[in-house]
N, C-alpha and C. Protein backbone atom coordinates (compact mmCIF):
# COMPACT_ATOMS: atom_id res chain seq x y z
N MET A 1 72.99 184.69 89.59
CA MET A 1 72.74 183.27 89.78
C MET A 1 71.88 183.09 91.03
N ILE A 2 70.99 182.16 90.96
CA ILE A 2 70.08 181.89 92.08
C ILE A 2 70.81 181.10 93.15
N PRO A 3 70.74 181.54 94.41
CA PRO A 3 71.43 180.82 95.49
C PRO A 3 70.88 179.40 95.68
N ASP A 4 71.73 178.52 96.17
CA ASP A 4 71.34 177.12 96.37
C ASP A 4 70.14 176.97 97.30
N ASP A 5 70.06 177.78 98.36
CA ASP A 5 68.93 177.62 99.28
C ASP A 5 67.61 177.99 98.61
N VAL A 6 67.64 178.89 97.65
CA VAL A 6 66.43 179.23 96.90
C VAL A 6 66.09 178.10 95.92
N LEU A 7 67.11 177.59 95.23
CA LEU A 7 66.88 176.47 94.32
C LEU A 7 66.28 175.27 95.05
N MET A 8 66.80 175.01 96.25
CA MET A 8 66.36 173.85 97.02
C MET A 8 64.87 173.89 97.36
N HIS A 9 64.33 175.08 97.53
CA HIS A 9 62.94 175.21 97.95
C HIS A 9 62.00 175.59 96.81
N TRP A 10 62.52 175.62 95.60
CA TRP A 10 61.72 175.99 94.44
C TRP A 10 60.99 174.76 93.93
N THR A 11 59.68 174.76 94.05
CA THR A 11 58.86 173.64 93.58
C THR A 11 57.91 174.16 92.51
N PRO A 12 58.13 173.79 91.28
CA PRO A 12 57.30 174.32 90.21
C PRO A 12 55.86 173.79 90.26
N THR A 13 54.94 174.65 89.84
CA THR A 13 53.53 174.28 89.75
C THR A 13 52.93 174.65 88.41
N GLU A 14 53.75 175.19 87.53
CA GLU A 14 53.33 175.57 86.19
C GLU A 14 54.47 175.26 85.22
N PRO A 15 54.15 175.02 83.95
CA PRO A 15 55.20 174.70 82.97
C PRO A 15 56.30 175.76 82.91
N ALA A 16 55.94 177.03 82.93
CA ALA A 16 56.97 178.08 82.83
C ALA A 16 57.90 178.05 84.04
N GLU A 17 57.36 177.77 85.21
CA GLU A 17 58.21 177.66 86.41
C GLU A 17 59.16 176.49 86.29
N ALA A 18 58.67 175.36 85.78
CA ALA A 18 59.53 174.19 85.62
C ALA A 18 60.65 174.47 84.63
N ARG A 19 60.31 175.14 83.53
CA ARG A 19 61.34 175.49 82.55
C ARG A 19 62.39 176.42 83.17
N ALA A 20 61.94 177.39 83.94
CA ALA A 20 62.86 178.33 84.58
C ALA A 20 63.75 177.61 85.59
N LEU A 21 63.19 176.67 86.34
CA LEU A 21 63.98 175.91 87.30
C LEU A 21 65.04 175.09 86.59
N VAL A 22 64.67 174.43 85.52
CA VAL A 22 65.64 173.64 84.74
C VAL A 22 66.77 174.54 84.26
N GLN A 23 66.44 175.72 83.73
CA GLN A 23 67.48 176.63 83.25
C GLN A 23 68.38 177.11 84.39
N ALA A 24 67.80 177.38 85.55
CA ALA A 24 68.58 177.82 86.71
C ALA A 24 69.53 176.73 87.18
N VAL A 25 69.05 175.50 87.21
CA VAL A 25 69.90 174.37 87.64
C VAL A 25 71.02 174.16 86.62
N LEU A 26 70.70 174.22 85.35
CA LEU A 26 71.73 174.05 84.33
C LEU A 26 72.80 175.15 84.43
N ALA A 27 72.38 176.38 84.69
CA ALA A 27 73.34 177.48 84.84
C ALA A 27 74.22 177.26 86.06
N ARG A 28 73.63 176.83 87.16
CA ARG A 28 74.39 176.59 88.39
C ARG A 28 75.38 175.45 88.20
N ALA A 29 74.95 174.40 87.51
CA ALA A 29 75.84 173.26 87.25
C ALA A 29 76.99 173.67 86.34
N LYS A 30 76.70 174.50 85.36
CA LYS A 30 77.76 174.97 84.47
C LYS A 30 78.77 175.79 85.25
N ALA A 31 78.29 176.66 86.14
CA ALA A 31 79.18 177.48 86.94
C ALA A 31 80.06 176.62 87.86
N ALA A 32 79.52 175.50 88.32
CA ALA A 32 80.27 174.60 89.19
C ALA A 32 81.07 173.57 88.40
N ASP A 33 80.97 173.63 87.07
CA ASP A 33 81.63 172.68 86.18
C ASP A 33 81.24 171.24 86.51
N VAL A 34 79.93 171.04 86.65
CA VAL A 34 79.38 169.73 87.00
C VAL A 34 78.51 169.25 85.83
N ALA A 35 78.77 168.04 85.38
CA ALA A 35 77.96 167.45 84.32
C ALA A 35 76.68 166.88 84.92
N LEU A 36 75.59 167.07 84.23
CA LEU A 36 74.29 166.56 84.68
C LEU A 36 73.68 165.67 83.61
N PRO A 37 72.84 164.73 84.05
CA PRO A 37 72.06 164.00 83.05
C PRO A 37 71.04 164.96 82.44
N ALA A 38 70.48 164.57 81.35
CA ALA A 38 69.47 165.41 80.69
C ALA A 38 68.30 165.67 81.64
N ALA A 39 67.76 166.86 81.55
CA ALA A 39 66.57 167.20 82.34
C ALA A 39 65.39 166.39 81.84
N PRO A 40 64.40 166.17 82.69
CA PRO A 40 63.21 165.43 82.25
C PRO A 40 62.55 166.11 81.05
N ALA A 41 62.02 165.31 80.18
CA ALA A 41 61.32 165.83 79.00
C ALA A 41 59.92 166.28 79.38
N GLU A 42 59.51 167.41 78.81
CA GLU A 42 58.15 167.90 79.06
C GLU A 42 57.13 166.95 78.46
N PRO A 43 56.00 166.79 79.13
CA PRO A 43 54.97 165.91 78.59
C PRO A 43 54.38 166.47 77.30
N THR A 44 53.98 165.57 76.45
CA THR A 44 53.35 165.97 75.19
C THR A 44 51.93 165.42 75.06
N ASN A 45 51.46 164.77 76.12
CA ASN A 45 50.16 164.10 76.01
C ASN A 45 49.14 164.63 77.01
N CYS A 46 49.23 165.89 77.39
CA CYS A 46 48.26 166.47 78.31
C CYS A 46 46.96 166.73 77.55
N CYS A 47 45.84 166.39 78.18
CA CYS A 47 44.54 166.59 77.52
C CYS A 47 43.89 167.91 77.91
N ASP A 48 44.53 168.68 78.80
CA ASP A 48 44.03 169.98 79.25
C ASP A 48 42.64 169.93 79.87
N SER A 49 42.33 168.82 80.54
CA SER A 49 41.01 168.73 81.19
C SER A 49 41.11 168.84 82.70
N GLY A 50 42.30 169.13 83.22
CA GLY A 50 42.47 169.31 84.66
C GLY A 50 42.41 168.01 85.45
N CYS A 51 42.90 166.96 84.88
CA CYS A 51 42.88 165.65 85.53
C CYS A 51 43.61 165.66 86.87
N ILE A 52 43.11 164.87 87.79
CA ILE A 52 43.86 164.61 89.01
C ILE A 52 44.97 163.65 88.60
N GLY A 53 46.20 164.00 88.96
CA GLY A 53 47.33 163.19 88.51
C GLY A 53 47.74 163.52 87.09
N CYS A 54 47.58 164.76 86.72
CA CYS A 54 47.94 165.22 85.37
C CYS A 54 49.39 164.89 85.06
N VAL A 55 49.68 164.68 83.81
CA VAL A 55 51.05 164.39 83.40
C VAL A 55 51.99 165.52 83.79
N TRP A 56 51.49 166.75 83.86
CA TRP A 56 52.33 167.87 84.29
C TRP A 56 52.73 167.72 85.75
N GLU A 57 51.85 167.23 86.59
CA GLU A 57 52.20 167.02 87.99
C GLU A 57 53.35 166.04 88.12
N GLY A 58 53.30 164.98 87.32
CA GLY A 58 54.41 164.02 87.30
C GLY A 58 55.69 164.67 86.82
N PHE A 59 55.57 165.52 85.82
CA PHE A 59 56.74 166.23 85.30
C PHE A 59 57.35 167.13 86.36
N TYR A 60 56.53 167.85 87.11
CA TYR A 60 57.05 168.73 88.16
C TYR A 60 57.81 167.91 89.22
N SER A 61 57.29 166.74 89.53
CA SER A 61 57.98 165.86 90.48
C SER A 61 59.31 165.39 89.92
N GLU A 62 59.32 165.05 88.64
CA GLU A 62 60.57 164.62 88.00
C GLU A 62 61.60 165.74 87.99
N VAL A 63 61.17 166.95 87.69
CA VAL A 63 62.09 168.09 87.68
C VAL A 63 62.64 168.34 89.08
N THR A 64 61.79 168.24 90.09
CA THR A 64 62.23 168.44 91.46
C THR A 64 63.26 167.40 91.87
N TYR A 65 63.00 166.14 91.51
CA TYR A 65 63.96 165.07 91.81
C TYR A 65 65.27 165.31 91.07
N TRP A 66 65.18 165.68 89.80
CA TRP A 66 66.38 165.96 88.99
C TRP A 66 67.18 167.10 89.62
N ARG A 67 66.48 168.14 90.08
CA ARG A 67 67.13 169.26 90.76
C ARG A 67 67.87 168.79 92.01
N ASP A 68 67.20 167.95 92.82
CA ASP A 68 67.82 167.45 94.05
C ASP A 68 69.09 166.65 93.74
N GLU A 69 69.01 165.81 92.73
CA GLU A 69 70.19 165.02 92.34
C GLU A 69 71.31 165.92 91.82
N ALA A 70 70.95 166.95 91.08
CA ALA A 70 71.95 167.89 90.57
C ALA A 70 72.65 168.59 91.73
N MET A 71 71.89 169.02 92.71
CA MET A 71 72.47 169.72 93.84
C MET A 71 73.42 168.82 94.63
N LEU A 72 73.11 167.55 94.71
CA LEU A 72 74.02 166.62 95.36
C LEU A 72 75.35 166.54 94.62
N ARG A 73 75.28 166.61 93.30
CA ARG A 73 76.51 166.53 92.49
C ARG A 73 77.43 167.70 92.74
N TRP A 74 76.88 168.91 92.80
CA TRP A 74 77.79 170.02 93.00
C TRP A 74 78.13 170.27 94.45
N ALA A 75 77.43 169.59 95.35
CA ALA A 75 77.77 169.70 96.77
C ALA A 75 78.99 168.83 97.13
N ASP A 76 79.25 167.81 96.30
CA ASP A 76 80.38 166.91 96.57
C ASP A 76 81.71 167.59 96.36
């Protein structure tokens, strides 16, 4: 299991990293017997043109926020 201090500093920058972070948080929450809201849904409308403010960037922010909220739940 990934230690909390590593989870806290993990900021995804690619879809595979975000998926791995979500799985790590879900595993940690299960081990702590903590219920979590659903993880953010992956975007389905990326145009793959490298836009500034890409939908993936928003998704990474959502996953990071979701992770932070999850960690607060098991810290209580």
